[in-house]
Amino acid sequence: MQVPQQPKSFPPDSIARIVLESCQEAAAAGEVPAAAVICDPENWSVLAAERNRILELRDPTAHAELLCIRAACAAAESERLPPDLVLVSALEPCLMCSGAVVHARLSGVIFFAPTLKGPGLERILEQSRDGALLNHYPETRQWETFQSEYQSLLREFFRERRSS
């Protein structure tokens, strides 16, 4: 089995800007501000970019990560993604999105902020390694440079939501 090559560095800041702008679009639409892109770490070209669309599509599975994986798979005309692709997400993938990350065979996930509600991708991978429960373990890294900016956006979104 060929081991996917892992990204040597974080993406350029322009990738983070795409994610953060998509988060702002989600918030403006009343969605939880979450967004993701799938990139080729060779040159950091964007293959798919999405934001949360749960309310818009009336679909509880319309998380940014899942929509992004679906778009990239459609573009690749395959149920699995080509090796070496990386998901860059504002928020660490949730339990549902983590399953999709594993099944899509993404080589890595880079996120700005860890999830604080329920198990996130890192915890799921850590707990399943002992029993070798998964057939694929993507690399995960937190891109802390953008954590504060993203968390401010999240706090403001929920503050406004509670006050209305």
C-alpha atoms as a PDB file:
ATOM      1  CA  MET A   1       0.000   0.000   0.000  1.00  0.00           C
ATOM      2  CA  GLN A   2       1.357   3.407  -0.977  1.00  0.00           C
ATOM      3  CA  VAL A   3       1.586   5.852   1.904  1.00  0.00           C
ATOM      4  CA  PRO A   4       0.308   9.316   0.913  1.00  0.00           C
ATOM      5  CA  GLN A   5       2.870  12.085   1.071  1.00  0.00           C
ATOM      6  CA  GLN A   6       2.138  14.486   3.895  1.00  0.00           C
ATOM      7  CA  PRO A   7       2.188  18.257   3.426  1.00  0.00           C
ATOM      8  CA  LYS A   8       5.505  19.750   4.478  1.00  0.00           C
ATOM      9  CA  SER A   9       4.091  23.093   5.546  1.00  0.00           C
ATOM     10  CA  PHE A  10       0.893  24.924   6.169  1.00  0.00           C
ATOM     11  CA  PRO A  11      -0.928  26.366   3.157  1.00  0.00           C
ATOM     12  CA  PRO A  12      -0.380  29.969   2.136  1.00  0.00           C
ATOM     13  CA  ASP A  13      -2.464  32.493   4.069  1.00  0.00           C
ATOM     14  CA  SER A  14      -4.649  32.974   0.970  1.00  0.00           C
ATOM     15  CA  ILE A  15      -6.172  29.536   1.661  1.00  0.00           C
ATOM     16  CA  ALA A  16      -7.070  30.620   5.204  1.00  0.00           C
ATOM     17  CA  ARG A  17      -8.655  33.783   3.788  1.00  0.00           C
ATOM     18  CA  ILE A  18     -10.879  31.681   1.495  1.00  0.00           C
ATOM     19  CA  VAL A  19     -12.012  29.630   4.497  1.00  0.00           C
ATOM     20  CA  LEU A  20     -12.592  32.680   6.712  1.00  0.00           C
ATOM     21  CA  GLU A  21     -14.510  34.567   3.988  1.00  0.00           C
ATOM     22  CA  SER A  22     -16.703  31.505   3.462  1.00  0.00           C
ATOM     23  CA  CYS A  23     -17.306  31.395   7.228  1.00  0.00           C
ATOM     24  CA  GLN A  24     -18.488  35.009   7.083  1.00  0.00           C
ATOM     25  CA  GLU A  25     -20.815  34.131   4.181  1.00  0.00           C
ATOM     26  CA  ALA A  26     -22.240  31.259   6.225  1.00  0.00           C
ATOM     27  CA  ALA A  27     -22.834  33.537   9.215  1.00  0.00           C
ATOM     28  CA  ALA A  28     -24.511  36.157   7.008  1.00  0.00           C
ATOM     29  CA  ALA A  29     -26.866  33.410   5.784  1.00  0.00           C
ATOM     30  CA  GLY A  30     -27.692  32.443   9.384  1.00  0.00           C
ATOM     31  CA  GLU A  31     -25.583  29.280   9.267  1.00  0.00           C
ATOM     32  CA  VAL A  32     -22.988  28.349  11.872  1.00  0.00           C
ATOM     33  CA  PRO A  33     -19.815  29.918  10.437  1.00  0.00           C
ATOM     34  CA  ALA A  34     -17.917  26.857   9.284  1.00  0.00           C
ATOM     35  CA  ALA A  35     -16.152  26.373   5.957  1.00  0.00           C
ATOM     36  CA  ALA A  36     -13.621  24.087   4.330  1.00  0.00           C
ATOM     37  CA  VAL A  37     -11.500  23.676   1.218  1.00  0.00           C
ATOM     38  CA  ILE A  38      -9.785  20.654  -0.295  1.00  0.00           C
ATOM     39  CA  CYS A  39      -6.325  21.408  -1.648  1.00  0.00           C
ATOM     40  CA  ASP A  40      -3.467  19.721  -3.421  1.00  0.00           C
ATOM     41  CA  PRO A  41      -0.502  20.373  -1.092  1.00  0.00           C
ATOM     42  CA  GLU A  42       1.911  20.213  -4.029  1.00  0.00           C
ATOM     43  CA  ASN A  43       0.922  23.753  -5.065  1.00  0.00           C
ATOM     44  CA  TRP A  44      -2.015  24.421  -2.707  1.00  0.00           C
ATOM     45  CA  SER A  45      -4.493  24.658  -5.581  1.00  0.00           C
ATOM     46  CA  VAL A  46      -8.110  24.541  -4.391  1.00  0.00           C
ATOM     47  CA  LEU A  47     -10.159  21.640  -5.751  1.00  0.00           C
ATOM     48  CA  ALA A  48     -13.342  22.359  -3.780  1.00  0.00           C
ATOM     49  CA  ALA A  49     -14.551  25.013  -1.344  1.00  0.00           C
ATOM     50  CA  GLU A  50     -17.760  24.977   0.693  1.00  0.00           C
ATOM     51  CA  ARG A  51     -19.462  26.475   3.718  1.00  0.00           C
ATOM     52  CA  ASN A  52     -22.165  25.153   6.015  1.00  0.00           C
ATOM     53  CA  ARG A  53     -25.526  24.985   4.221  1.00  0.00           C
ATOM     54  CA  ILE A  54     -27.632  23.109   6.780  1.00  0.00           C
ATOM     55  CA  LEU A  55     -30.488  25.637   6.902  1.00  0.00           C
ATOM     56  CA  GLU A  56     -30.313  26.501   3.216  1.00  0.00           C
ATOM     57  CA  LEU A  57     -30.550  22.873   2.067  1.00  0.00           C
ATOM     58  CA  ARG A  58     -32.683  21.721   5.023  1.00  0.00           C
ATOM     59  CA  ASP A  59     -30.155  18.939   5.467  1.00  0.00           C
ATOM     60  CA  PRO A  60     -28.504  18.152   8.817  1.00  0.00           C
ATOM     61  CA  THR A  61     -25.567  16.574   6.963  1.00  0.00           C
ATOM     62  CA  ALA A  62     -24.793  19.703   4.914  1.00  0.00           C
ATOM     63  CA  HIS A  63     -21.653  20.512   6.888  1.00  0.00           C
ATOM     64  CA  ALA A  64     -18.923  22.343   4.981  1.00  0.00           C
ATOM     65  CA  GLU A  65     -16.547  19.374   5.161  1.00  0.00           C
ATOM     66  CA  LEU A  66     -19.081  16.910   3.743  1.00  0.00           C
ATOM     67  CA  LEU A  67     -20.144  19.260   0.964  1.00  0.00           C
ATOM     68  CA  CYS A  68     -16.499  19.871   0.119  1.00  0.00           C
ATOM     69  CA  ILE A  69     -15.739  16.131  -0.018  1.00  0.00           C
ATOM     70  CA  ARG A  70     -18.819  15.559  -2.205  1.00  0.00           C
ATOM     71  CA  ALA A  71     -17.767  18.313  -4.624  1.00  0.00           C
ATOM     72  CA  ALA A  72     -14.190  17.034  -4.847  1.00  0.00           C
ATOM     73  CA  CYS A  73     -15.362  13.430  -5.393  1.00  0.00           C
ATOM     74  CA  ALA A  74     -17.756  14.597  -8.118  1.00  0.00           C
ATOM     75  CA  ALA A  75     -14.921  16.493  -9.820  1.00  0.00           C
ATOM     76  CA  ALA A  76     -12.683  13.413  -9.555  1.00  0.00           C
ATOM     77  CA  GLU A  77     -15.557  11.162 -10.724  1.00  0.00           C
ATOM     78  CA  SER A  78     -14.748   8.781  -7.888  1.00  0.00           C
ATOM     79  CA  GLU A  79     -16.108   7.778  -4.490  1.00  0.00           C
ATOM     80  CA  ARG A  80     -12.645   8.330  -3.031  1.00  0.00           C
ATOM     81  CA  LEU A  81     -10.287  11.214  -3.489  1.00  0.00           C
ATOM     82  CA  PRO A  82      -6.895  10.993  -5.160  1.00  0.00           C
ATOM     83  CA  PRO A  83      -4.031  10.463  -2.683  1.00  0.00           C
ATOM     84  CA  ASP A  84      -2.279  13.392  -1.028  1.00  0.00           C
ATOM     85  CA  LEU A  85      -5.238  15.806  -0.864  1.00  0.00           C
ATOM     86  CA  VAL A  86      -5.696  17.885   2.274  1.00  0.00           C
ATOM     87  CA  LEU A  87      -8.833  19.317   3.858  1.00  0.00           C
ATOM     88  CA  VAL A  88      -8.401  22.777   5.391  1.00  0.00           C
ATOM     89  CA  SER A  89     -11.279  23.499   7.763  1.00  0.00           C
ATOM     90  CA  ALA A  90     -12.140  26.330  10.112  1.00  0.00           C
ATOM     91  CA  LEU A  91     -13.293  23.902  12.781  1.00  0.00           C
ATOM     92  CA  GLU A  92     -11.966  20.445  13.598  1.00  0.00           C
ATOM     93  CA  PRO A  93     -14.282  17.950  11.864  1.00  0.00           C
ATOM     94  CA  CYS A  94     -17.110  16.542  13.991  1.00  0.00           C
ATOM     95  CA  LEU A  95     -17.887  12.854  14.417  1.00  0.00           C
ATOM     96  CA  MET A  96     -19.939  12.691  11.206  1.00  0.00           C
ATOM     97  CA  CYS A  97     -17.432  14.611   9.093  1.00  0.00           C
ATOM     98  CA  SER A  98     -14.554  12.591  10.551  1.00  0.00           C
ATOM     99  CA  GLY A  99     -16.083   9.421   9.137  1.00  0.00           C
ATOM    100  CA  ALA A 100     -16.306  11.035   5.711  1.00  0.00           C
ATOM    101  CA  VAL A 101     -12.669  12.206   5.943  1.00  0.00           C
ATOM    102  CA  VAL A 102     -11.543   8.636   6.637  1.00  0.00           C
ATOM    103  CA  HIS A 103     -13.701   7.081   3.905  1.00  0.00           C
ATOM    104  CA  ALA A 104     -12.678   9.705   1.332  1.00  0.00           C
ATOM    105  CA  ARG A 105      -9.018   8.872   2.101  1.00  0.00           C
ATOM    106  CA  LEU A 106      -7.878  12.452   2.650  1.00  0.00           C
ATOM    107  CA  SER A 107      -4.186  12.402   3.548  1.00  0.00           C
ATOM    108  CA  GLY A 108      -4.436  15.280   5.987  1.00  0.00           C
ATOM    109  CA  VAL A 109      -6.715  17.703   7.790  1.00  0.00           C
ATOM    110  CA  ILE A 110      -5.626  21.166   8.882  1.00  0.00           C
ATOM    111  CA  PHE A 111      -8.034  23.103  11.103  1.00  0.00           C
ATOM    112  CA  PHE A 112      -8.004  26.468  12.866  1.00  0.00           C
ATOM    113  CA  ALA A 113      -9.861  25.590  16.076  1.00  0.00           C
ATOM    114  CA  PRO A 114     -10.554  22.329  17.903  1.00  0.00           C
ATOM    115  CA  THR A 115     -14.136  21.235  18.360  1.00  0.00           C
ATOM    116  CA  LEU A 116     -15.387  21.658  21.909  1.00  0.00           C
ATOM    117  CA  LYS A 117     -18.703  19.833  21.425  1.00  0.00           C
ATOM    118  CA  GLY A 118     -18.428  16.068  21.189  1.00  0.00           C
ATOM    119  CA  PRO A 119     -15.562  14.034  19.805  1.00  0.00           C
ATOM    120  CA  GLY A 120     -13.561  15.624  17.013  1.00  0.00           C
ATOM    121  CA  LEU A 121     -11.299  14.029  14.441  1.00  0.00           C
ATOM    122  CA  GLU A 122      -8.150  14.040  16.595  1.00  0.00           C
ATOM    123  CA  ARG A 123      -9.881  12.307  19.513  1.00  0.00           C
ATOM    124  CA  ILE A 124     -11.534   9.768  17.217  1.00  0.00           C
ATOM    125  CA  LEU A 125      -8.233   8.913  15.528  1.00  0.00           C
ATOM    126  CA  GLU A 126      -6.392   8.724  18.853  1.00  0.00           C
ATOM    127  CA  GLN A 127      -8.951   6.415  20.454  1.00  0.00           C
ATOM    128  CA  SER A 128      -9.205   4.120  17.441  1.00  0.00           C
ATOM    129  CA  ARG A 129      -5.444   3.654  16.910  1.00  0.00           C
ATOM    130  CA  ASP A 130      -5.087   1.336  19.907  1.00  0.00           C
ATOM    131  CA  GLY A 131      -7.491  -1.193  18.464  1.00  0.00           C
ATOM    132  CA  ALA A 132      -6.651  -0.455  14.812  1.00  0.00           C
ATOM    133  CA  LEU A 133     -10.345   0.260  14.251  1.00  0.00           C
ATOM    134  CA  LEU A 134      -9.905   2.325  11.087  1.00  0.00           C
ATOM    135  CA  ASN A 135      -8.266   1.483   7.793  1.00  0.00           C
ATOM    136  CA  HIS A 136      -7.012   5.034   7.213  1.00  0.00           C
ATOM    137  CA  TYR A 137      -5.503   7.595   9.571  1.00  0.00           C
ATOM    138  CA  PRO A 138      -5.097  11.073   8.071  1.00  0.00           C
ATOM    139  CA  GLU A 139      -2.551  13.438   9.570  1.00  0.00           C
ATOM    140  CA  THR A 140      -4.164  16.237  11.594  1.00  0.00           C
ATOM    141  CA  ARG A 141      -2.674  19.605  12.432  1.00  0.00           C
ATOM    142  CA  GLN A 142      -4.037  22.723  14.044  1.00  0.00           C
ATOM    143  CA  TRP A 143      -3.247  25.960  12.181  1.00  0.00           C
ATOM    144  CA  GLU A 144      -3.147  28.119  15.293  1.00  0.00           C
ATOM    145  CA  THR A 145      -2.282  31.296  13.378  1.00  0.00           C
ATOM    146  CA  PHE A 146      -5.980  31.698  12.514  1.00  0.00           C
ATOM    147  CA  GLN A 147      -7.546  30.223  15.652  1.00  0.00           C
ATOM    148  CA  SER A 148      -8.181  33.533  17.419  1.00  0.00           C
ATOM    149  CA  GLU A 149      -9.694  35.221  14.357  1.00  0.00           C
ATOM    150  CA  TYR A 150     -11.989  32.263  13.728  1.00  0.00           C
ATOM    151  CA  GLN A 151     -13.035  31.912  17.374  1.00  0.00           C
ATOM    152  CA  SER A 152     -13.913  35.629  17.442  1.00  0.00           C
ATOM    153  CA  LEU A 153     -16.162  35.076  14.437  1.00  0.00           C
ATOM    154  CA  LEU A 154     -17.822  32.108  16.178  1.00  0.00           C
ATOM    155  CA  ARG A 155     -18.319  34.012  19.451  1.00  0.00           C
ATOM    156  CA  GLU A 156     -19.873  36.983  17.637  1.00  0.00           C
ATOM    157  CA  PHE A 157     -22.205  34.694  15.673  1.00  0.00           C
ATOM    158  CA  PHE A 158     -23.505  32.958  18.797  1.00  0.00           C
ATOM    159  CA  ARG A 159     -23.694  36.236  20.764  1.00  0.00           C
ATOM    160  CA  GLU A 160     -25.937  37.721  18.056  1.00  0.00           C
ATOM    161  CA  ARG A 161     -27.979  34.537  17.862  1.00  0.00           C
ATOM    162  CA  ARG A 162     -28.633  34.499  21.630  1.00  0.00           C
ATOM    163  CA  SER A 163     -29.630  38.175  21.696  1.00  0.00           C
ATOM    164  CA  SER A 164     -32.280  37.813  18.983  1.00  0.00           C
END
